[in-house]
């Protein structure tokens, strides 16, 4: 004998519980966002590799449907620059022209090659 479960019965038996998926999504979003905020550059690593890591974190955030304004992403990138780049960070912070993330990355790579 085959039984057919209604949606209400399926919820009671745990077959279909939309709250479980919502909770999992929220935890995944929190985890991804926390990784993004905690990410830091390290003096010993190549700057290009670290910029790629930053891009990967941004892609993870996009996958989770979290949207940050471009200006926020660029400003956070400036803040995450190495401590040895303090003068350069100050210079970027006081620029009045808004820079896209791509422009900022290009600017940082040029600065790195000049060091």
PDB file of N, CA and C in Angstrom:
ATOM      1  N   UNK A   1       0.842  -1.173   0.000  1.00  0.00           N
ATOM      2  CA  UNK A   1       0.000   0.000   0.000  1.00  0.00           C
ATOM      3  C   UNK A   1       0.886   1.235   0.000  1.00  0.00           C
ATOM      4  N   UNK A   2       0.632   2.167  -0.873  1.00  0.00           N
ATOM      5  CA  UNK A   2       1.418   3.384  -1.001  1.00  0.00           C
ATOM      6  C   UNK A   2       0.654   4.535  -0.352  1.00  0.00           C
ATOM      7  N   UNK A   3       1.350   5.299   0.490  1.00  0.00           N
ATOM      8  CA  UNK A   3       0.691   6.438   1.120  1.00  0.00           C
ATOM      9  C   UNK A   3       1.212   7.721   0.505  1.00  0.00           C
ATOM     10  N   UNK A   4       0.352   8.693   0.388  1.00  0.00           N
ATOM     11  CA  UNK A   4       0.715   9.994  -0.140  1.00  0.00           C
ATOM     12  C   UNK A   4       0.705  10.977   1.020  1.00  0.00           C
ATOM     13  N   UNK A   5       1.810  11.674   1.190  1.00  0.00           N
ATOM     14  CA  UNK A   5       1.914  12.648   2.279  1.00  0.00           C
ATOM     15  C   UNK A   5       1.539  14.034   1.774  1.00  0.00           C
ATOM     16  N   UNK A   6       0.723  14.719   2.523  1.00  0.00           N
ATOM     17  CA  UNK A   6       0.399  16.098   2.182  1.00  0.00           C
ATOM     18  C   UNK A   6       1.551  16.976   2.639  1.00  0.00           C
ATOM     19  N   UNK A   7       1.538  18.222   2.208  1.00  0.00           N
ATOM     20  CA  UNK A   7       2.600  19.153   2.570  1.00  0.00           C
ATOM     21  C   UNK A   7       2.680  19.312   4.088  1.00  0.00           C
ATOM     22  N   UNK A   8       1.525  19.387   4.751  1.00  0.00           N
ATOM     23  CA  UNK A   8       1.502  19.529   6.203  1.00  0.00           C
ATOM     24  C   UNK A   8       2.117  18.302   6.875  1.00  0.00           C
ATOM     25  N   UNK A   9       1.814  17.132   6.376  1.00  0.00           N
ATOM     26  CA  UNK A   9       2.378  15.913   6.946  1.00  0.00           C
ATOM     27  C   UNK A   9       3.875  15.838   6.694  1.00  0.00           C
ATOM     28  N   UNK A  10       4.297  16.272   5.514  1.00  0.00           N
ATOM     29  CA  UNK A  10       5.722  16.248   5.204  1.00  0.00           C
ATOM     30  C   UNK A  10       6.495  17.158   6.148  1.00  0.00           C
ATOM     31  N   UNK A  11       5.932  18.287   6.486  1.00  0.00           N
ATOM     32  CA  UNK A  11       6.591  19.178   7.433  1.00  0.00           C
ATOM     33  C   UNK A  11       6.714  18.513   8.794  1.00  0.00           C
ATOM     34  N   UNK A  12       5.670  17.820   9.200  1.00  0.00           N
ATOM     35  CA  UNK A  12       5.699  17.159  10.493  1.00  0.00           C
ATOM     36  C   UNK A  12       6.729  16.042  10.539  1.00  0.00           C
ATOM     37  N   UNK A  13       6.923  15.357   9.424  1.00  0.00           N
ATOM     38  CA  UNK A  13       7.883  14.259   9.377  1.00  0.00           C
ATOM     39  C   UNK A  13       9.295  14.733   9.037  1.00  0.00           C
ATOM     40  N   UNK A  14       9.454  16.024   8.760  1.00  0.00           N
ATOM     41  CA  UNK A  14      10.771  16.546   8.435  1.00  0.00           C
ATOM     42  C   UNK A  14      11.168  16.380   6.983  1.00  0.00           C
ATOM     43  N   UNK A  15      10.232  15.971   6.135  1.00  0.00           N
ATOM     44  CA  UNK A  15      10.559  15.817   4.728  1.00  0.00           C
ATOM     45  C   UNK A  15      10.763  17.164   4.046  1.00  0.00           C
ATOM     46  N   UNK A  16       9.983  18.126   4.438  1.00  0.00           N
ATOM     47  CA  UNK A  16      10.054  19.440   3.805  1.00  0.00           C
ATOM     48  C   UNK A  16       9.923  20.497   4.883  1.00  0.00           C
ATOM     49  N   UNK A  17      10.998  21.144   5.185  1.00  0.00           N
ATOM     50  CA  UNK A  17      10.956  22.202   6.189  1.00  0.00           C
ATOM     51  C   UNK A  17      11.734  23.403   5.655  1.00  0.00           C
ATOM     52  N   UNK A  18      11.024  24.403   5.117  1.00  0.00           N
ATOM     53  CA  UNK A  18      11.712  25.549   4.525  1.00  0.00           C
ATOM     54  C   UNK A  18      12.537  26.337   5.536  1.00  0.00           C
ATOM     55  N   UNK A  19      12.193  26.263   6.811  1.00  0.00           N
ATOM     56  CA  UNK A  19      12.952  26.988   7.826  1.00  0.00           C
ATOM     57  C   UNK A  19      14.380  26.459   7.926  1.00  0.00           C
ATOM     58  N   UNK A  20      14.569  25.186   7.717  1.00  0.00           N
ATOM     59  CA  UNK A  20      15.911  24.607   7.771  1.00  0.00           C
ATOM     60  C   UNK A  20      16.794  25.246   6.714  1.00  0.00           C
ATOM     61  N   UNK A  21      16.271  25.415   5.502  1.00  0.00           N
ATOM     62  CA  UNK A  21      17.057  25.991   4.422  1.00  0.00           C
ATOM     63  C   UNK A  21      17.357  27.461   4.669  1.00  0.00           C
ATOM     64  N   UNK A  22      16.415  28.190   5.226  1.00  0.00           N
ATOM     65  CA  UNK A  22      16.623  29.601   5.530  1.00  0.00           C
ATOM     66  C   UNK A  22      17.712  29.748   6.580  1.00  0.00           C
ATOM     67  N   UNK A  23      17.672  28.923   7.618  1.00  0.00           N
ATOM     68  CA  UNK A  23      18.675  28.988   8.677  1.00  0.00           C
ATOM     69  C   UNK A  23      20.055  28.653   8.114  1.00  0.00           C
ATOM     70  N   UNK A  24      20.140  27.622   7.266  1.00  0.00           N
ATOM     71  CA  UNK A  24      21.420  27.268   6.659  1.00  0.00           C
ATOM     72  C   UNK A  24      21.952  28.409   5.811  1.00  0.00           C
ATOM     73  N   UNK A  25      21.087  29.077   5.044  1.00  0.00           N
ATOM     74  CA  UNK A  25      21.511  30.196   4.217  1.00  0.00           C
ATOM     75  C   UNK A  25      22.040  31.344   5.066  1.00  0.00           C
ATOM     76  N   UNK A  26      21.366  31.641   6.161  1.00  0.00           N
ATOM     77  CA  UNK A  26      21.797  32.732   7.040  1.00  0.00           C
ATOM     78  C   UNK A  26      23.169  32.430   7.628  1.00  0.00           C
ATOM     79  N   UNK A  27      23.386  31.205   8.089  1.00  0.00           N
ATOM     80  CA  UNK A  27      24.691  30.845   8.643  1.00  0.00           C
ATOM     81  C   UNK A  27      25.776  30.899   7.577  1.00  0.00           C
ATOM     82  N   UNK A  28      25.453  30.466   6.367  1.00  0.00           N
ATOM     83  CA  UNK A  28      26.422  30.505   5.276  1.00  0.00           C
ATOM     84  C   UNK A  28      26.777  31.956   4.937  1.00  0.00           C
ATOM     85  N   UNK A  29      25.774  32.833   4.924  1.00  0.00           N
ATOM     86  CA  UNK A  29      26.017  34.249   4.651  1.00  0.00           C
ATOM     87  C   UNK A  29      26.872  34.877   5.744  1.00  0.00           C
ATOM     88  N   UNK A  30      26.578  34.557   7.000  1.00  0.00           N
ATOM     89  CA  UNK A  30      27.371  35.096   8.108  1.00  0.00           C
ATOM     90  C   UNK A  30      28.814  34.621   8.015  1.00  0.00           C
ATOM     91  N   UNK A  31      29.004  33.350   7.715  1.00  0.00           N
ATOM     92  CA  UNK A  31      30.347  32.788   7.593  1.00  0.00           C
ATOM     93  C   UNK A  31      31.125  33.476   6.468  1.00  0.00           C
ATOM     94  N   UNK A  32      30.482  33.644   5.318  1.00  0.00           N
ATOM     95  CA  UNK A  32      31.123  34.277   4.171  1.00  0.00           C
ATOM     96  C   UNK A  32      31.463  35.730   4.469  1.00  0.00           C
ATOM     97  N   UNK A  33      30.543  36.452   5.076  1.00  0.00           N
ATOM     98  CA  UNK A  33      30.775  37.852   5.414  1.00  0.00           C
ATOM     99  C   UNK A  33      31.887  37.979   6.442  1.00  0.00           C
ATOM    100  N   UNK A  34      31.898  37.102   7.426  1.00  0.00           N
ATOM    101  CA  UNK A  34      32.947  37.141   8.453  1.00  0.00           C
ATOM    102  C   UNK A  34      34.311  36.890   7.821  1.00  0.00           C
ATOM    103  N   UNK A  35      34.400  35.949   6.905  1.00  0.00           N
ATOM    104  CA  UNK A  35      35.669  35.696   6.214  1.00  0.00           C
ATOM    105  C   UNK A  35      36.141  36.926   5.457  1.00  0.00           C
ATOM    106  N   UNK A  36      35.205  37.621   4.853  1.00  0.00           N
ATOM    107  CA  UNK A  36      35.538  38.823   4.089  1.00  0.00           C
ATOM    108  C   UNK A  36      36.093  39.912   5.005  1.00  0.00           C
ATOM    109  N   UNK A  37      35.429  40.149   6.129  1.00  0.00           N
ATOM    110  CA  UNK A  37      35.878  41.207   7.036  1.00  0.00           C
ATOM    111  C   UNK A  37      37.180  40.864   7.751  1.00  0.00           C
ATOM    112  N   UNK A  38      37.407  39.595   8.032  1.00  0.00           N
ATOM    113  CA  UNK A  38      38.611  39.185   8.763  1.00  0.00           C
ATOM    114  C   UNK A  38      39.833  39.018   7.876  1.00  0.00           C
ATOM    115  N   UNK A  39      39.651  39.005   6.585  1.00  0.00           N
ATOM    116  CA  UNK A  39      40.765  38.813   5.671  1.00  0.00           C
ATOM    117  C   UNK A  39      41.761  39.952   5.815  1.00  0.00           C
ATOM    118  N   UNK A  40      43.057  39.619   5.821  1.00  0.00           N
ATOM    119  CA  UNK A  40      44.109  40.616   5.921  1.00  0.00           C
ATOM    120  C   UNK A  40      45.239  40.267   4.979  1.00  0.00           C
ATOM    121  N   UNK A  41      45.954  41.284   4.587  1.00  0.00           N
ATOM    122  CA  UNK A  41      47.140  41.063   3.767  1.00  0.00           C
ATOM    123  C   UNK A  41      48.313  40.715   4.680  1.00  0.00           C
ATOM    124  N   UNK A  42      49.236  39.948   4.127  1.00  0.00           N
ATOM    125  CA  UNK A  42      50.408  39.511   4.877  1.00  0.00           C
ATOM    126  C   UNK A  42      51.650  40.018   4.154  1.00  0.00           C
ATOM    127  N   UNK A  43      52.609  40.539   4.913  1.00  0.00           N
ATOM    128  CA  UNK A  43      53.826  41.135   4.350  1.00  0.00           C
ATOM    129  C   UNK A  43      54.608  40.174   3.451  1.00  0.00           C
ATOM    130  N   UNK A  44      54.682  38.911   3.822  1.00  0.00           N
ATOM    131  CA  UNK A  44      55.537  37.955   3.122  1.00  0.00           C
ATOM    132  C   UNK A  44      54.959  37.470   1.790  1.00  0.00           C
ATOM    133  N   UNK A  45      53.667  37.592   1.601  1.00  0.00           N
ATOM    134  CA  UNK A  45      53.029  37.089   0.370  1.00  0.00           C
ATOM    135  C   UNK A  45      53.037  38.136  -0.729  1.00  0.00           C
ATOM    136  N   UNK A  46      53.004  37.651  -1.963  1.00  0.00           N
ATOM    137  CA  UNK A  46      52.956  38.528  -3.124  1.00  0.00           C
ATOM    138  C   UNK A  46      51.620  39.276  -3.146  1.00  0.00           C
ATOM    139  N   UNK A  47      51.659  40.536  -3.474  1.00  0.00           N
ATOM    140  CA  UNK A  47      50.456  41.380  -3.446  1.00  0.00           C
ATOM    141  C   UNK A  47      49.429  40.909  -4.473  1.00  0.00           C
ATOM    142  N   UNK A  48      49.877  40.419  -5.617  1.00  0.00           N
ATOM    143  CA  UNK A  48      48.945  39.967  -6.655  1.00  0.00           C
ATOM    144  C   UNK A  48      48.165  38.739  -6.203  1.00  0.00           C
ATOM    145  N   UNK A  49      48.834  37.842  -5.520  1.00  0.00           N
ATOM    146  CA  UNK A  49      48.153  36.649  -4.997  1.00  0.00           C
ATOM    147  C   UNK A  49      47.108  37.053  -3.968  1.00  0.00           C
ATOM    148  N   UNK A  50      47.460  38.016  -3.139  1.00  0.00           N
ATOM    149  CA  UNK A  50      46.524  38.460  -2.108  1.00  0.00           C
ATOM    150  C   UNK A  50      45.326  39.196  -2.707  1.00  0.00           C
ATOM    151  N   UNK A  51      45.553  39.919  -3.773  1.00  0.00           N
ATOM    152  CA  UNK A  51      44.440  40.581  -4.466  1.00  0.00           C
ATOM    153  C   UNK A  51      43.515  39.533  -5.071  1.00  0.00           C
ATOM    154  N   UNK A  52      44.086  38.449  -5.596  1.00  0.00           N
ATOM    155  CA  UNK A  52      43.265  37.353  -6.116  1.00  0.00           C
ATOM    156  C   UNK A  52      42.426  36.722  -5.012  1.00  0.00           C
ATOM    157  N   UNK A  53      43.000  36.565  -3.824  1.00  0.00           N
ATOM    158  CA  UNK A  53      42.246  36.040  -2.685  1.00  0.00           C
ATOM    159  C   UNK A  53      41.067  36.962  -2.356  1.00  0.00           C
ATOM    160  N   UNK A  54      41.327  38.256  -2.413  1.00  0.00           N
ATOM    161  CA  UNK A  54      40.276  39.239  -2.152  1.00  0.00           C
ATOM    162  C   UNK A  54      39.153  39.096  -3.181  1.00  0.00           C
ATOM    163  N   UNK A  55      39.528  38.902  -4.429  1.00  0.00           N
ATOM    164  CA  UNK A  55      38.530  38.690  -5.484  1.00  0.00           C
ATOM    165  C   UNK A  55      37.713  37.436  -5.230  1.00  0.00           C
ATOM    166  N   UNK A  56      38.357  36.376  -4.796  1.00  0.00           N
ATOM    167  CA  UNK A  56      37.645  35.134  -4.495  1.00  0.00           C
ATOM    168  C   UNK A  56      36.632  35.348  -3.376  1.00  0.00           C
ATOM    169  N   UNK A  57      37.023  36.096  -2.366  1.00  0.00           N
ATOM    170  CA  UNK A  57      36.081  36.395  -1.277  1.00  0.00           C
ATOM    171  C   UNK A  57      34.888  37.198  -1.787  1.00  0.00           C
ATOM    172  N   UNK A  58      35.150  38.142  -2.666  1.00  0.00           N
ATOM    173  CA  UNK A  58      34.053  38.926  -3.251  1.00  0.00           C
ATOM    174  C   UNK A  58      33.122  38.039  -4.072  1.00  0.00           C
ATOM    175  N   UNK A  59      33.677  37.101  -4.791  1.00  0.00           N
ATOM    176  CA  UNK A  59      32.851  36.169  -5.568  1.00  0.00           C
ATOM    177  C   UNK A  59      32.009  35.294  -4.645  1.00  0.00           C
ATOM    178  N   UNK A  60      32.588  34.845  -3.531  1.00  0.00           N
ATOM    179  CA  UNK A  60      31.821  34.067  -2.551  1.00  0.00           C
ATOM    180  C   UNK A  60      30.647  34.869  -2.016  1.00  0.00           C
ATOM    181  N   UNK A  61      30.882  36.137  -1.800  1.00  0.00           N
ATOM    182  CA  UNK A  61      29.817  37.010  -1.293  1.00  0.00           C
ATOM    183  C   UNK A  61      28.716  37.176  -2.336  1.00  0.00           C
ATOM    184  N   UNK A  62      29.101  37.324  -3.590  1.00  0.00           N
ATOM    185  CA  UNK A  62      28.104  37.456  -4.662  1.00  0.00           C
ATOM    186  C   UNK A  62      27.268  36.192  -4.801  1.00  0.00           C
ATOM    187  N   UNK A  63      27.901  35.039  -4.628  1.00  0.00           N
ATOM    188  CA  UNK A  63      27.182  33.766  -4.710  1.00  0.00           C
ATOM    189  C   UNK A  63      26.110  33.691  -3.618  1.00  0.00           C
ATOM    190  N   UNK A  64      26.395  34.264  -2.474  1.00  0.00           N
ATOM    191  CA  UNK A  64      25.446  34.256  -1.357  1.00  0.00           C
ATOM    192  C   UNK A  64      24.397  35.375  -1.470  1.00  0.00           C
ATOM    193  N   UNK A  65      24.381  36.077  -2.598  1.00  0.00           N
ATOM    194  CA  UNK A  65      23.432  37.173  -2.852  1.00  0.00           C
ATOM    195  C   UNK A  65      23.570  38.316  -1.857  1.00  0.00           C
ATOM    196  N   UNK A  66      24.797  38.565  -1.439  1.00  0.00           N
ATOM    197  CA  UNK A  66      25.090  39.709  -0.576  1.00  0.00           C
ATOM    198  C   UNK A  66      25.706  40.767  -1.479  1.00  0.00           C
ATOM    199  N   UNK A  67      25.167  41.954  -1.412  1.00  0.00           N
ATOM    200  CA  UNK A  67      25.639  43.013  -2.295  1.00  0.00           C
ATOM    201  C   UNK A  67      26.232  44.139  -1.456  1.00  0.00           C
ATOM    202  N   UNK A  68      27.501  44.451  -1.729  1.00  0.00           N
ATOM    203  CA  UNK A  68      28.168  45.587  -1.108  1.00  0.00           C
ATOM    204  C   UNK A  68      28.347  46.655  -2.177  1.00  0.00           C
ATOM    205  N   UNK A  69      28.206  47.916  -1.800  1.00  0.00           N
ATOM    206  CA  UNK A  69      28.464  48.982  -2.778  1.00  0.00           C
ATOM    207  C   UNK A  69      29.930  48.956  -3.224  1.00  0.00           C
ATOM    208  N   UNK A  70      30.167  49.335  -4.469  1.00  0.00           N
ATOM    209  CA  UNK A  70      31.524  49.317  -5.023  1.00  0.00           C
ATOM    210  C   UNK A  70      32.483  50.197  -4.225  1.00  0.00           C
ATOM    211  N   UNK A  71      32.000  51.333  -3.800  1.00  0.00           N
ATOM    212  CA  UNK A  71      32.854  52.245  -3.032  1.00  0.00           C
ATOM    213  C   UNK A  71      33.284  51.610  -1.707  1.00  0.00           C
ATOM    214  N   UNK A  72      32.366  50.894  -1.066  1.00  0.00           N
ATOM    215  CA  UNK A  72      32.683  50.200   0.173  1.00  0.00           C
ATOM    216  C   UNK A  72      33.767  49.155  -0.047  1.00  0.00           C
ATOM    217  N   UNK A  73      33.626  48.373  -1.118  1.00  0.00           N
ATOM    218  CA  UNK A  73      34.589  47.313  -1.435  1.00  0.00           C
ATOM    219  C   UNK A  73      35.969  47.923  -1.697  1.00  0.00           C
ATOM    220  N   UNK A  74      36.011  49.026  -2.418  1.00  0.00           N
ATOM    221  CA  UNK A  74      37.290  49.689  -2.712  1.00  0.00           C
ATOM    222  C   UNK A  74      37.917  50.259  -1.447  1.00  0.00           C
ATOM    223  N   UNK A  75      37.112  50.915  -0.625  1.00  0.00           N
ATOM    224  CA  UNK A  75      37.638  51.506   0.615  1.00  0.00           C
ATOM    225  C   UNK A  75      38.156  50.431   1.566  1.00  0.00           C
ATOM    226  N   UNK A  76      37.461  49.308   1.630  1.00  0.00           N
ATOM    227  CA  UNK A  76      37.919  48.228   2.495  1.00  0.00           C
ATOM    228  C   UNK A  76      39.231  47.648   1.977  1.00  0.00           C
ATOM    229  N   UNK A  77      39.374  47.580   0.677  1.00  0.00           N
ATOM    230  CA  UNK A  77      40.635  47.112   0.085  1.00  0.00           C
ATOM    231  C   UNK A  77      41.779  48.032   0.493  1.00  0.00           C
ATOM    232  N   UNK A  78      41.539  49.323   0.488  1.00  0.00           N
ATOM    233  CA  UNK A  78      42.561  50.281   0.916  1.00  0.00           C
ATOM    234  C   UNK A  78      42.924  50.047   2.377  1.00  0.00           C
ATOM    235  N   UNK A  79      41.917  49.842   3.206  1.00  0.00           N
ATOM    236  CA  UNK A  79      42.163  49.609   4.633  1.00  0.00           C
ATOM    237  C   UNK A  79      42.937  48.326   4.879  1.00  0.00           C
ATOM    238  N   UNK A  80      42.772  47.342   4.015  1.00  0.00           N
ATOM    239  CA  UNK A  80      43.426  46.043   4.191  1.00  0.00           C
ATOM    240  C   UNK A  80      44.861  46.021   3.669  1.00  0.00           C
ATOM    241  N   UNK A  81      45.312  47.111   3.070  1.00  0.00           N
ATOM    242  CA  UNK A  81      46.683  47.140   2.573  1.00  0.00           C
ATOM    243  C   UNK A  81      47.668  46.950   3.730  1.00  0.00           C
ATOM    244  N   UNK A  82      48.851  46.522   3.375  1.00  0.00           N
ATOM    245  CA  UNK A  82      49.888  46.220   4.362  1.00  0.00           C
ATOM    246  C   UNK A  82      50.247  47.438   5.200  1.00  0.00           C
ATOM    247  N   UNK A  83      50.705  47.183   6.396  1.00  0.00           N
ATOM    248  CA  UNK A  83      51.073  48.290   7.295  1.00  0.00           C
ATOM    249  C   UNK A  83      52.267  49.082   6.756  1.00  0.00           C
ATOM    250  N   UNK A  84      53.101  48.439   5.958  1.00  0.00           N
ATOM    251  CA  UNK A  84      54.244  49.141   5.361  1.00  0.00           C
ATOM    252  C   UNK A  84      53.807  50.118   4.261  1.00  0.00           C
ATOM    253  N   UNK A  85      52.563  50.050   3.875  1.00  0.00           N
ATOM    254  CA  UNK A  85      52.033  50.915   2.834  1.00  0.00           C
ATOM    255  C   UNK A  85      51.259  52.099   3.429  1.00  0.00           C
ATOM    256  N   UNK A  86      51.542  52.501   4.617  1.00  0.00           N
ATOM    257  CA  UNK A  86      50.767  53.529   5.317  1.00  0.00           C
ATOM    258  C   UNK A  86      50.688  54.838   4.529  1.00  0.00           C
ATOM    259  N   UNK A  87      51.813  55.306   4.023  1.00  0.00           N
ATOM    260  CA  UNK A  87      51.806  56.564   3.254  1.00  0.00           C
ATOM    261  C   UNK A  87      50.927  56.450   2.006  1.00  0.00           C
ATOM    262  N   UNK A  88      51.041  55.324   1.352  1.00  0.00           N
ATOM    263  CA  UNK A  88      50.245  55.099   0.152  1.00  0.00           C
ATOM    264  C   UNK A  88      48.753  55.029   0.496  1.00  0.00           C
ATOM    265  N   UNK A  89      48.448  54.378   1.603  1.00  0.00           N
ATOM    266  CA  UNK A  89      47.045  54.304   2.051  1.00  0.00           C
ATOM    267  C   UNK A  89      46.496  55.700   2.315  1.00  0.00           C
ATOM    268  N   UNK A  90      47.275  56.517   2.975  1.00  0.00           N
ATOM    269  CA  UNK A  90      46.831  57.884   3.262  1.00  0.00           C
ATOM    270  C   UNK A  90      46.598  58.671   1.972  1.00  0.00           C
ATOM    271  N   UNK A  91      47.490  58.479   1.042  1.00  0.00           N
ATOM    272  CA  UNK A  91      47.348  59.159  -0.254  1.00  0.00           C
ATOM    273  C   UNK A  91      46.045  58.744  -0.939  1.00  0.00           C
ATOM    274  N   UNK A  92      45.744  57.449  -0.925  1.00  0.00           N
ATOM    275  CA  UNK A  92      44.511  56.963  -1.562  1.00  0.00           C
ATOM    276  C   UNK A  92      43.266  57.451  -0.820  1.00  0.00           C
ATOM    277  N   UNK A  93      43.327  57.490   0.482  1.00  0.00           N
ATOM    278  CA  UNK A  93      42.167  57.914   1.272  1.00  0.00           C
ATOM    279  C   UNK A  93      41.799  59.365   1.001  1.00  0.00           C
ATOM    280  N   UNK A  94      42.803  60.181   0.724  1.00  0.00           N
ATOM    281  CA  UNK A  94      42.544  61.614   0.549  1.00  0.00           C
ATOM    282  C   UNK A  94      42.296  62.011  -0.905  1.00  0.00           C
ATOM    283  N   UNK A  95      42.287  61.037  -1.785  1.00  0.00           N
ATOM    284  CA  UNK A  95      41.925  61.337  -3.169  1.00  0.00           C
ATOM    285  C   UNK A  95      40.429  61.622  -3.218  1.00  0.00           C
ATOM    286  N   UNK A  96      40.056  62.640  -3.932  1.00  0.00           N
ATOM    287  CA  UNK A  96      38.645  62.996  -4.028  1.00  0.00           C
ATOM    288  C   UNK A  96      37.945  62.273  -5.174  1.00  0.00           C
ATOM    289  N   UNK A  97      38.733  61.730  -6.075  1.00  0.00           N
ATOM    290  CA  UNK A  97      38.158  60.994  -7.192  1.00  0.00           C
ATOM    291  C   UNK A  97      37.809  59.583  -6.733  1.00  0.00           C
ATOM    292  N   UNK A  98      36.593  59.158  -7.028  1.00  0.00           N
ATOM    293  CA  UNK A  98      36.191  57.794  -6.701  1.00  0.00           C
ATOM    294  C   UNK A  98      36.853  56.836  -7.680  1.00  0.00           C
ATOM    295  N   UNK A  99      37.392  55.760  -7.134  1.00  0.00           N
ATOM    296  CA  UNK A  99      38.057  54.759  -7.963  1.00  0.00           C
ATOM    297  C   UNK A  99      37.263  53.465  -7.918  1.00  0.00           C
ATOM    298  N   UNK A 100      37.118  52.871  -9.076  1.00  0.00           N
ATOM    299  CA  UNK A 100      36.499  51.543  -9.100  1.00  0.00           C
ATOM    300  C   UNK A 100      37.501  50.540  -8.531  1.00  0.00           C
ATOM    301  N   UNK A 101      37.018  49.374  -8.222  1.00  0.00           N
ATOM    302  CA  UNK A 101      37.898  48.348  -7.673  1.00  0.00           C
ATOM    303  C   UNK A 101      38.978  47.980  -8.693  1.00  0.00           C
ATOM    304  N   UNK A 102      38.605  47.880  -9.956  1.00  0.00           N
ATOM    305  CA  UNK A 102      39.589  47.544 -10.990  1.00  0.00           C
ATOM    306  C   UNK A 102      40.673  48.619 -11.096  1.00  0.00           C
ATOM    307  N   UNK A 103      40.265  49.883 -11.053  1.00  0.00           N
ATOM    308  CA  UNK A 103      41.240  50.975 -11.104  1.00  0.00           C
ATOM    309  C   UNK A 103      42.154  50.941  -9.887  1.00  0.00           C
ATOM    310  N   UNK A 104      41.573  50.675  -8.750  1.00  0.00           N
ATOM    311  CA  UNK A 104      42.358  50.606  -7.517  1.00  0.00           C
ATOM    312  C   UNK A 104      43.380  49.472  -7.588  1.00  0.00           C
ATOM    313  N   UNK A 105      42.956  48.323  -8.058  1.00  0.00           N
ATOM    314  CA  UNK A 105      43.859  47.171  -8.164  1.00  0.00           C
ATOM    315  C   UNK A 105      45.005  47.485  -9.128  1.00  0.00           C
ATOM    316  N   UNK A 106      44.681  48.087 -10.246  1.00  0.00           N
ATOM    317  CA  UNK A 106      45.722  48.477 -11.200  1.00  0.00           C
ATOM    318  C   UNK A 106      46.700  49.447 -10.550  1.00  0.00           C
ATOM    319  N   UNK A 107      46.167  50.401  -9.820  1.00  0.00           N
ATOM    320  CA  UNK A 107      46.974  51.392  -9.118  1.00  0.00           C
ATOM    321  C   UNK A 107      47.895  50.719  -8.098  1.00  0.00           C
ATOM    322  N   UNK A 108      47.369  49.766  -7.362  1.00  0.00           N
ATOM    323  CA  UNK A 108      48.148  49.058  -6.341  1.00  0.00           C
ATOM    324  C   UNK A 108      49.250  48.217  -6.979  1.00  0.00           C
ATOM    325  N   UNK A 109      48.943  47.551  -8.075  1.00  0.00           N
ATOM    326  CA  UNK A 109      49.945  46.718  -8.751  1.00  0.00           C
ATOM    327  C   UNK A 109      51.069  47.589  -9.304  1.00  0.00           C
ATOM    328  N   UNK A 110      50.730  48.734  -9.868  1.00  0.00           N
ATOM    329  CA  UNK A 110      51.758  49.667 -10.367  1.00  0.00           C
ATOM    330  C   UNK A 110      52.633  50.138  -9.205  1.00  0.00           C
ATOM    331  N   UNK A 111      51.992  50.475  -8.098  1.00  0.00           N
ATOM    332  CA  UNK A 111      52.754  50.913  -6.918  1.00  0.00           C
ATOM    333  C   UNK A 111      53.668  49.800  -6.422  1.00  0.00           C
ATOM    334  N   UNK A 112      53.179  48.582  -6.439  1.00  0.00           N
ATOM    335  CA  UNK A 112      53.987  47.448  -5.980  1.00  0.00           C
ATOM    336  C   UNK A 112      55.211  47.245  -6.885  1.00  0.00           C
ATOM    337  N   UNK A 113      55.046  47.379  -8.189  1.00  0.00           N
ATOM    338  CA  UNK A 113      56.185  47.216  -9.090  1.00  0.00           C
ATOM    339  C   UNK A 113      57.200  48.336  -8.922  1.00  0.00           C
ATOM    340  N   UNK A 114      56.746  49.503  -8.511  1.00  0.00           N
ATOM    341  CA  UNK A 114      57.662  50.632  -8.296  1.00  0.00           C
ATOM    342  C   UNK A 114      58.405  50.563  -6.970  1.00  0.00           C
ATOM    343  N   UNK A 115      57.980  49.713  -6.082  1.00  0.00           N
ATOM    344  CA  UNK A 115      58.644  49.605  -4.766  1.00  0.00           C
ATOM    345  C   UNK A 115      59.893  48.793  -4.846  1.00  0.00           C
TER     346      UNK A 115
END
